[in-house]
Amino acid sequence: MREFLESDTGFYYAIGLFTIAVFLGALAMLAVVTPGGIGALELGGLVVGFGLFMLVYFVSITIHQLEDREEL
C-alpha cells in the first residue's frame, strides 16, 4: 500500500476515492438531517454534477500517466 501511495498517480487515485467517500457520506448525512428528505431532482443534479467532476478528474490522471510514459 505504501508503494502505491508513493507514486503521484497512486496518490491521485487515493485522493479521488477519498473524495467519493466524503461525497457519499455527506449525501447520507443530508438524507438523515433533512426533514423532508432529498428531492429526486436535487439528488440527480448533485450526483450527475459530481460524477462529471470525478470523470474529468480521473481522465486527467490517465492523461498524466500517458505523458509520463511518452517521456521515457
Protein backbone atom coordinates (compact mmCIF):
# COMPACT_ATOMS: atom_id res chain seq x y z
CA MET A 1 0.00 0.00 0.00
CA ARG A 2 2.83 2.38 0.83
CA GLU A 3 4.42 1.87 -2.59
CA PHE A 4 1.08 2.67 -4.22
CA LEU A 5 0.79 5.97 -2.35
CA GLU A 6 4.42 6.97 -3.00
CA SER A 7 3.73 7.37 -6.71
CA ASP A 8 1.98 10.51 -7.94
CA THR A 9 -0.67 8.54 -9.77
CA GLY A 10 -1.42 6.30 -6.81
CA PHE A 11 -1.75 9.31 -4.56
CA TYR A 12 -4.14 10.99 -7.00
CA TYR A 13 -6.28 7.84 -7.20
CA ALA A 14 -6.39 7.64 -3.39
CA ILE A 15 -7.46 11.29 -3.17
CA GLY A 16 -10.18 10.66 -5.77
CA LEU A 17 -11.52 7.66 -3.86
CA PHE A 18 -11.43 9.64 -0.61
CA THR A 19 -13.37 12.46 -2.29
CA ILE A 20 -16.02 9.99 -3.46
CA ALA A 21 -16.30 8.56 0.08
CA VAL A 22 -16.72 12.04 1.57
CA PHE A 23 -19.40 12.87 -1.03
CA LEU A 24 -21.35 9.69 -0.29
CA GLY A 25 -21.06 10.32 3.46
CA ALA A 26 -22.31 13.87 3.00
CA LEU A 27 -25.28 12.64 0.95
CA ALA A 28 -26.14 10.11 3.64
CA MET A 29 -25.89 12.76 6.35
CA LEU A 30 -28.02 15.15 4.29
CA ALA A 31 -30.69 12.45 3.87
CA VAL A 32 -30.79 11.91 7.65
CA VAL A 33 -30.72 15.58 8.66
CA THR A 34 -33.18 16.96 6.08
CA PRO A 35 -36.73 16.57 7.45
CA GLY A 36 -38.41 16.15 4.05
CA GLY A 37 -35.66 14.04 2.56
CA ILE A 38 -33.73 14.84 -0.57
CA GLY A 39 -35.77 15.58 -3.65
CA ALA A 40 -35.13 13.43 -6.71
CA LEU A 41 -34.33 16.42 -8.90
CA GLU A 42 -31.82 17.86 -6.44
CA LEU A 43 -30.23 14.47 -5.83
CA GLY A 44 -29.98 13.83 -9.56
CA GLY A 45 -28.31 17.19 -10.14
CA LEU A 46 -25.81 16.63 -7.34
CA VAL A 47 -24.91 13.12 -8.45
CA VAL A 48 -24.63 13.97 -12.15
CA GLY A 49 -22.56 17.08 -11.47
CA PHE A 50 -20.26 15.27 -9.08
CA GLY A 51 -19.99 12.33 -11.49
CA LEU A 52 -18.89 14.66 -14.28
CA PHE A 53 -16.37 16.28 -11.98
CA MET A 54 -14.90 12.91 -11.00
CA LEU A 55 -14.87 11.78 -14.63
CA VAL A 56 -12.76 14.79 -15.57
CA TYR A 57 -10.53 14.15 -12.55
CA PHE A 58 -9.83 10.52 -13.48
CA VAL A 59 -9.38 11.35 -17.18
CA SER A 60 -6.78 13.93 -16.10
CA ILE A 61 -4.95 11.26 -14.11
CA THR A 62 -4.95 8.99 -17.17
CA ILE A 63 -3.55 11.79 -19.32
CA HIS A 64 -0.88 12.42 -16.68
CA GLN A 65 0.11 8.74 -16.87
CA LEU A 66 0.30 8.88 -20.67
CA GLU A 67 2.51 11.97 -20.53
CA ASP A 68 4.89 10.22 -18.15
CA ARG A 69 5.14 7.21 -20.49
CA GLU A 70 5.97 9.39 -23.50
CA GLU A 71 8.92 10.98 -21.68
CA LEU A 72 10.65 7.61 -21.25
